Amino acid sequence: MIGITGLGMYLPEGRMTGAQIAEKANIPAAVVETKMGIIEKVVAGPNDHPVEMSVKAAKEAISEAQVDAKDIDVVIYIGEEHKEYPLWTAAIKIQEEIGAVNAWAFDVQLRCGTAIMAMKVAKSLMLADDSVKTVLLAGGYRNHDFIDYENERTRFMFNLGAGAGAMILQKNVGGHEVLEASLITDGSFSEDVVVPVGGTKEPLTVDHIREGRYILDVLDPDGMKLRLEQKSLSNFLKVIRQSLQKSGYSENNLHYVAMLHMKKSAHDYVLKELGLSEENSIYLSRYGHIGQIDQILSLCLARKEGKLQEGQIVSLVSAGIGYAWGAITVKWGA
C-alpha cells in the first residue's frame, strides 16, 4: 500500500479581487466574479518565491507525517518552471533546505497536471524499488507573473494565482491510500499556449520585455477554443471514470472531487455528470487557480471543513495546457 501521510500548504498574504481584475481587463466585475468564478485570488509578494514557498509547505507535510527528513528517500519537485532561477533543479534545493540528506531528488513537469502525474510516478517508483519507502512531493507556483490583463486571448488564465503545496507518500504505513491514475495528453494543443519569447527560437531581449511579449499568450485562440470545446470536459470525465475503474470503483462510489479552479459552469457540469453536488467539492473562488497545487489545496480545505471521512473515495482531477488531463483515486484513511 502507498499512502498519503502528510499534507502541507503555503499561501502568500497577497490578494487580488475580481473587481481589480475587471478594472485591469476593462470587463464587467460580474463577468469575473460570476462567469470566471473569481471573488479573489492569492497573489505572491516580492519575497514569495516558488521554491522557498515549497520548502514551507514541505516542512508542514513532514511535520504532519511525523517523519524525520533524514528518512525521506526521494524528493520530487512538482512546481512550475518559473522559479528563482532558470536551468535549475529545484528539488535538490528543497532537499537541502529540509535536511533530507539521504534522499535523491529530481523535477517533473506537466503544467497544471504535474501533481497527479507525480503521484503516479512516485507510486510506481516505490513499487519498483524496495529501497524507496518515503517520497516527498513539493512545488510552488506564481504564474500570474506572466498574465497581461489587457490581452483578451488569455482571459481564461486571469485566475492564475500563487502558493505552494506538498505531500508525503509512504509505503506500508497506512494513510490515505493512493490508488490508480488515468492520464491523457493531446499534442494538437502543444503550441497553443506559450510564452512566445525567451526560448531558443527567439531568445529574450530588452525589446521583448519593453514590448510586453514576455508573457503567456495564445497563438491560435479560435482553433484552441474549438478543439477544447470538443474534448476538454469529456476528457475530464474520462480520466475520472478510468481512474475509478482501474481502482475497482465507479462514480457511484465517489464522494469528493478535488478539482482545479476553472469557470463555474464547467465545475458544476463535471459534478452534475458524476451525480454529485456542490457539497462533494470545493470551488476555489477565493483562491484562484494555483496550477498543480489546486488538488492539494482542495484536500486541505475539505479536511478542515469536515468533508472527508475514513473509507470515502476521492478523485483528484486536473487539466493543463499542452494539453493534459489527469485523475487519480484516493481512498481516504484514518
Protein backbone atom coordinates (compact mmCIF):
# COMPACT_ATOMS: atom_id res chain seq x y z
CA MET A 1 0.00 0.00 0.00
CA ILE A 2 1.12 3.54 -0.83
CA GLY A 3 -0.49 6.18 1.38
CA ILE A 4 -0.53 9.94 1.81
CA THR A 5 0.62 10.52 5.38
CA GLY A 6 1.17 14.27 5.34
CA LEU A 7 -0.13 17.35 3.52
CA GLY A 8 1.25 20.87 3.56
CA MET A 9 0.20 24.23 2.11
CA TYR A 10 1.67 27.70 1.97
CA LEU A 11 -0.41 30.66 0.76
CA PRO A 12 1.04 34.17 0.43
CA GLU A 13 -0.80 37.01 2.14
CA GLY A 14 -1.43 38.96 -1.08
CA ARG A 15 -4.88 39.00 -2.67
CA MET A 16 -6.27 40.38 -5.93
CA THR A 17 -10.03 40.81 -6.11
CA GLY A 18 -12.29 40.06 -9.01
CA ALA A 19 -13.12 43.76 -9.17
CA GLN A 20 -9.42 44.60 -9.54
CA ILE A 21 -9.05 42.06 -12.34
CA ALA A 22 -12.12 43.51 -14.04
CA GLU A 23 -10.68 47.00 -13.86
CA LYS A 24 -7.36 45.93 -15.35
CA ALA A 25 -9.07 43.92 -18.10
CA ASN A 26 -11.79 46.51 -18.76
CA ILE A 27 -14.58 43.98 -18.39
CA PRO A 28 -17.58 43.96 -16.00
CA ALA A 29 -16.83 42.78 -12.47
CA ALA A 30 -19.85 40.47 -12.67
CA VAL A 31 -18.19 38.57 -15.53
CA VAL A 32 -15.06 37.97 -13.45
CA GLU A 33 -16.88 37.06 -10.26
CA THR A 34 -19.76 35.03 -11.70
CA LYS A 35 -18.65 33.55 -15.03
CA MET A 36 -14.92 33.21 -14.30
CA GLY A 37 -15.64 32.42 -10.64
CA ILE A 38 -13.02 34.70 -9.13
CA ILE A 39 -14.11 36.55 -5.99
CA GLU A 40 -10.43 36.99 -5.21
CA LYS A 41 -7.21 35.11 -5.80
CA VAL A 42 -3.94 34.61 -3.97
CA VAL A 43 -1.00 36.58 -5.37
CA ALA A 44 2.67 36.43 -4.46
CA GLY A 45 4.56 39.23 -2.78
CA PRO A 46 8.14 40.17 -3.75
CA ASN A 47 9.57 37.56 -1.34
CA ASP A 48 7.20 34.71 -2.21
CA HIS A 49 9.44 32.66 -4.48
CA PRO A 50 8.24 29.25 -5.74
CA VAL A 51 10.92 27.05 -4.18
CA GLU A 52 11.01 29.00 -0.93
CA MET A 53 7.24 28.60 -0.69
CA SER A 54 7.68 24.88 -1.48
CA VAL A 55 10.05 24.47 1.46
CA LYS A 56 7.46 25.94 3.82
CA ALA A 57 4.77 23.59 2.53
CA ALA A 58 7.18 20.64 2.66
CA LYS A 59 8.03 21.26 6.31
CA GLU A 60 4.33 21.28 7.17
CA ALA A 61 3.77 17.96 5.35
CA ILE A 62 6.80 16.40 7.04
CA SER A 63 5.54 17.52 10.45
CA GLU A 64 2.10 16.09 9.86
CA ALA A 65 3.53 12.78 8.62
CA GLN A 66 5.78 12.66 11.69
CA VAL A 67 8.76 11.56 9.66
CA ASP A 68 12.40 12.52 10.04
CA ALA A 69 13.67 14.32 6.95
CA LYS A 70 16.67 12.00 7.02
CA ASP A 71 14.27 9.11 6.29
CA ILE A 72 12.98 10.65 3.06
CA ASP A 73 14.27 8.61 0.13
CA VAL A 74 13.24 10.79 -2.82
CA VAL A 75 12.26 14.44 -3.25
CA ILE A 76 10.23 15.36 -6.36
CA TYR A 77 9.61 18.99 -7.31
CA ILE A 78 6.10 19.39 -8.72
CA GLY A 79 6.07 23.18 -9.10
CA GLU A 80 6.44 25.36 -12.15
CA GLU A 81 9.45 26.05 -14.37
CA HIS A 82 9.00 29.73 -13.45
CA LYS A 83 11.03 29.85 -10.25
CA GLU A 84 14.02 31.53 -8.61
CA TYR A 85 16.48 30.65 -11.39
CA PRO A 86 16.21 29.16 -14.88
CA LEU A 87 18.00 25.88 -15.67
CA TRP A 88 17.90 24.89 -12.00
CA THR A 89 16.87 21.64 -10.32
CA ALA A 90 14.53 22.87 -7.61
CA ALA A 91 14.13 19.50 -5.86
CA ILE A 92 17.79 19.47 -4.88
CA LYS A 93 17.40 22.87 -3.20
CA ILE A 94 14.33 21.61 -1.30
CA GLN A 95 16.30 18.52 -0.26
CA GLU A 96 19.00 20.77 1.20
CA GLU A 97 16.62 23.12 2.99
CA ILE A 98 14.63 20.38 4.73
CA GLY A 99 17.67 18.27 5.65
CA ALA A 100 16.82 15.23 3.51
CA VAL A 101 20.49 14.28 3.37
CA ASN A 102 19.84 10.65 2.45
CA ALA A 103 17.46 11.39 -0.44
CA TRP A 104 17.99 11.90 -4.13
CA ALA A 105 15.92 14.49 -5.96
CA PHE A 106 14.53 15.47 -9.35
CA ASP A 107 11.97 17.77 -11.00
CA VAL A 108 8.94 16.77 -13.10
CA GLN A 109 6.62 18.90 -15.20
CA LEU A 110 3.20 18.56 -16.82
CA ARG A 111 1.95 22.09 -16.25
CA CYS A 112 -1.19 22.02 -14.09
CA GLY A 113 -1.31 18.23 -14.32
CA THR A 114 2.03 17.81 -12.57
CA ALA A 115 0.86 16.81 -9.08
CA ILE A 116 -1.28 13.93 -10.33
CA MET A 117 1.39 12.76 -12.76
CA ALA A 118 4.00 12.95 -9.98
CA MET A 119 1.83 10.89 -7.63
CA LYS A 120 1.68 8.19 -10.29
CA VAL A 121 5.45 8.41 -10.85
CA ALA A 122 6.18 8.28 -7.11
CA LYS A 123 3.90 5.30 -6.56
CA SER A 124 5.46 3.44 -9.48
CA LEU A 125 8.93 4.19 -8.17
CA MET A 126 8.06 2.96 -4.69
CA LEU A 127 6.55 -0.26 -6.02
CA ALA A 128 9.50 -0.91 -8.32
CA ASP A 129 12.30 -0.17 -5.84
CA ASP A 130 12.24 -1.77 -2.38
CA SER A 131 14.66 0.86 -1.07
CA VAL A 132 12.22 3.73 -1.72
CA LYS A 133 9.79 3.89 1.17
CA THR A 134 9.16 7.62 1.70
CA VAL A 135 8.75 10.25 -1.02
CA LEU A 136 8.19 13.99 -0.70
CA LEU A 137 6.31 15.85 -3.44
CA ALA A 138 6.56 19.64 -3.15
CA GLY A 139 6.07 22.54 -5.52
CA GLY A 140 5.44 26.26 -5.79
CA TYR A 141 3.54 28.37 -8.29
CA ARG A 142 3.26 32.03 -9.26
CA ASN A 143 2.48 32.06 -12.96
CA HIS A 144 0.33 35.15 -12.51
CA ASP A 145 3.60 36.95 -13.26
CA PHE A 146 3.02 36.04 -16.93
CA ILE A 147 -0.50 37.42 -17.28
CA ASP A 148 -1.32 40.62 -19.17
CA TYR A 149 -4.88 41.53 -18.19
CA GLU A 150 -5.27 43.61 -21.33
CA ASN A 151 -4.74 40.53 -23.51
CA GLU A 152 -8.20 39.08 -24.03
CA ARG A 153 -6.71 35.95 -25.65
CA THR A 154 -5.53 34.83 -22.19
CA ARG A 155 -8.75 35.69 -20.36
CA PHE A 156 -9.21 32.05 -19.28
CA MET A 157 -5.94 32.39 -17.34
CA PHE A 158 -6.88 35.52 -15.39
CA ASN A 159 -7.47 33.18 -12.44
CA LEU A 160 -3.78 32.24 -12.11
CA GLY A 161 -2.60 32.71 -8.53
CA ALA A 162 0.25 31.76 -6.23
CA GLY A 163 1.12 29.32 -3.48
CA ALA A 164 2.80 26.02 -2.68
CA GLY A 165 1.78 22.53 -1.69
CA ALA A 166 3.39 19.31 -0.57
CA MET A 167 2.60 15.74 0.34
CA ILE A 168 4.43 12.82 1.90
CA LEU A 169 3.82 9.39 0.37
CA GLN A 170 4.87 6.31 2.33
CA LYS A 171 4.88 2.60 1.70
CA ASN A 172 3.06 0.18 4.01
CA VAL A 173 2.42 2.59 6.89
CA GLY A 174 -1.25 3.44 6.33
CA GLY A 175 -2.52 6.89 5.49
CA HIS A 176 -4.83 7.81 2.63
CA GLU A 177 -4.36 5.06 0.07
CA VAL A 178 -3.21 6.17 -3.38
CA LEU A 179 -4.93 4.00 -5.96
CA GLU A 180 -4.79 4.21 -9.75
CA ALA A 181 -4.37 7.15 -12.13
CA SER A 182 -5.50 7.96 -15.66
CA LEU A 183 -3.72 10.49 -17.87
CA ILE A 184 -4.44 11.85 -21.36
CA THR A 185 -2.18 14.15 -23.38
CA ASP A 186 -3.13 15.67 -26.73
CA GLY A 187 -0.36 17.16 -28.85
CA SER A 188 -2.75 19.06 -31.11
CA PHE A 189 -2.72 21.73 -28.37
CA SER A 190 1.04 21.66 -27.77
CA GLU A 191 1.83 25.12 -29.15
CA ASP A 192 -1.46 26.88 -28.46
CA VAL A 193 -0.44 28.47 -25.15
CA VAL A 194 3.19 29.57 -24.81
CA VAL A 195 5.44 32.39 -23.72
CA PRO A 196 6.47 33.27 -27.29
CA VAL A 197 9.92 34.65 -26.49
CA GLY A 198 12.73 33.67 -24.15
CA GLY A 199 13.46 30.22 -25.61
CA THR A 200 15.92 29.09 -28.23
CA LYS A 201 13.60 30.08 -31.10
CA GLU A 202 13.58 33.72 -30.06
CA PRO A 203 16.00 34.44 -27.20
CA LEU A 204 14.89 37.11 -24.75
CA THR A 205 15.86 40.71 -25.44
CA VAL A 206 15.23 44.06 -23.79
CA ASP A 207 12.90 44.91 -26.65
CA HIS A 208 10.76 41.84 -25.93
CA ILE A 209 10.27 42.98 -22.35
CA ARG A 210 9.60 46.57 -23.41
CA GLU A 211 7.06 45.38 -25.96
CA GLY A 212 5.31 43.16 -23.40
CA ARG A 213 5.96 39.92 -25.27
CA TYR A 214 7.48 38.00 -22.33
CA ILE A 215 4.03 36.85 -21.17
CA LEU A 216 1.73 33.90 -21.69
CA ASP A 217 -0.13 34.16 -24.97
CA VAL A 218 -2.47 32.08 -27.12
CA LEU A 219 -1.21 31.68 -30.68
CA ASP A 220 -4.41 30.19 -32.14
CA PRO A 221 -7.27 31.31 -29.88
CA ASP A 222 -10.13 30.37 -32.22
CA GLY A 223 -8.68 26.98 -33.06
CA MET A 224 -7.90 26.17 -29.44
CA LYS A 225 -11.37 27.16 -28.29
CA LEU A 226 -12.99 24.95 -30.93
CA ARG A 227 -10.81 21.94 -30.11
CA LEU A 228 -11.22 22.37 -26.34
CA GLU A 229 -15.00 22.56 -26.64
CA GLN A 230 -14.89 19.20 -28.42
CA LYS A 231 -12.58 17.49 -25.93
CA SER A 232 -11.99 19.21 -22.61
CA LEU A 233 -14.94 18.33 -20.40
CA SER A 234 -15.34 14.88 -21.94
CA ASN A 235 -11.68 14.18 -21.16
CA PHE A 236 -12.18 15.45 -17.60
CA LEU A 237 -14.90 12.90 -17.08
CA LYS A 238 -13.00 10.20 -18.95
CA VAL A 239 -9.91 10.34 -16.72
CA ILE A 240 -12.01 10.40 -13.55
CA ARG A 241 -14.01 7.38 -14.62
CA GLN A 242 -10.97 5.48 -15.90
CA SER A 243 -9.07 6.15 -12.67
CA LEU A 244 -12.01 4.94 -10.61
CA GLN A 245 -12.48 1.83 -12.76
CA LYS A 246 -8.79 0.93 -12.59
CA SER A 247 -9.03 1.30 -8.81
CA GLY A 248 -12.02 -1.05 -8.58
CA TYR A 249 -14.68 1.62 -8.12
CA SER A 250 -17.28 3.54 -10.13
CA GLU A 251 -18.63 7.07 -9.95
CA ASN A 252 -21.37 5.71 -7.69
CA ASN A 253 -18.70 5.23 -5.03
CA LEU A 254 -17.22 8.71 -5.46
CA HIS A 255 -17.67 11.09 -2.53
CA TYR A 256 -15.37 14.05 -3.14
CA VAL A 257 -13.67 15.64 -6.18
CA ALA A 258 -10.54 17.73 -5.59
CA MET A 259 -10.79 19.80 -8.74
CA LEU A 260 -8.70 22.62 -10.16
CA HIS A 261 -10.23 26.08 -10.37
CA MET A 262 -11.95 26.72 -13.70
CA LYS A 263 -15.04 28.62 -14.76
CA LYS A 264 -18.01 27.87 -12.53
CA SER A 265 -20.21 26.39 -15.25
CA ALA A 266 -17.55 23.79 -16.12
CA HIS A 267 -17.02 22.90 -12.45
CA ASP A 268 -20.76 22.43 -11.94
CA TYR A 269 -21.08 20.39 -15.15
CA VAL A 270 -18.44 17.89 -14.05
CA LEU A 271 -20.12 17.39 -10.68
CA LYS A 272 -23.57 17.00 -12.24
CA GLU A 273 -22.34 14.41 -14.75
CA LEU A 274 -20.87 12.42 -11.87
CA GLY A 275 -24.14 12.59 -9.91
CA LEU A 276 -22.60 14.86 -7.30
CA SER A 277 -23.49 18.25 -5.79
CA GLU A 278 -21.63 21.30 -4.52
CA GLU A 279 -21.19 19.51 -1.20
CA ASN A 280 -18.92 16.99 -2.91
CA SER A 281 -16.25 19.50 -3.89
CA ILE A 282 -14.92 22.96 -3.03
CA TYR A 283 -14.97 25.70 -5.63
CA LEU A 284 -11.80 27.75 -5.20
CA SER A 285 -13.41 31.13 -5.89
CA ARG A 286 -11.39 32.83 -3.12
CA TYR A 287 -8.07 31.31 -4.12
CA GLY A 288 -7.95 31.25 -7.92
CA HIS A 289 -6.02 28.68 -9.87
CA ILE A 290 -2.72 27.80 -8.20
CA GLY A 291 -1.77 25.46 -11.01
CA GLN A 292 -0.87 21.95 -9.98
CA ILE A 293 -1.30 22.86 -6.31
CA ASP A 294 -5.11 23.11 -6.57
CA GLN A 295 -5.72 19.45 -5.71
CA ILE A 296 -3.59 19.65 -2.55
CA LEU A 297 -5.33 22.89 -1.54
CA SER A 298 -8.74 21.30 -2.12
CA LEU A 299 -7.85 18.33 0.09
CA CYS A 300 -6.58 20.60 2.86
CA LEU A 301 -9.74 22.72 2.75
CA ALA A 302 -12.05 19.70 2.58
CA ARG A 303 -10.36 18.12 5.57
CA LYS A 304 -10.64 21.35 7.54
CA GLU A 305 -14.34 21.62 6.69
CA GLY A 306 -15.02 18.01 7.70
CA LYS A 307 -15.94 16.89 4.20
CA LEU A 308 -13.68 13.80 4.25
CA GLN A 309 -14.27 10.71 6.36
CA GLU A 310 -12.46 7.40 6.63
CA GLY A 311 -13.24 5.00 3.80
CA GLN A 312 -14.55 7.59 1.37
CA ILE A 313 -13.41 7.61 -2.25
CA VAL A 314 -11.81 10.81 -3.51
CA SER A 315 -10.82 11.83 -7.05
CA LEU A 316 -8.08 14.36 -7.70
CA VAL A 317 -8.52 15.79 -11.20
CA SER A 318 -6.63 18.32 -13.28
CA ALA A 319 -6.09 19.75 -16.73
CA GLY A 320 -3.03 21.57 -18.01
CA ILE A 321 -2.10 23.50 -21.12
CA GLY A 322 -0.32 21.33 -23.62
CA TYR A 323 -2.96 19.77 -23.27
CA ALA A 324 -3.07 17.21 -20.46
CA TRP A 325 -5.88 15.77 -18.35
CA GLY A 326 -5.31 13.58 -15.31
CA ALA A 327 -7.08 12.00 -12.38
CA ILE A 328 -6.02 9.78 -9.52
CA THR A 329 -8.19 7.96 -7.00
CA VAL A 330 -7.53 8.07 -3.26
CA LYS A 331 -9.26 6.07 -0.52
CA TRP A 332 -9.38 8.37 2.49
CA GLY A 333 -7.91 6.86 5.61
CA ALA A 334 -7.98 7.48 9.31
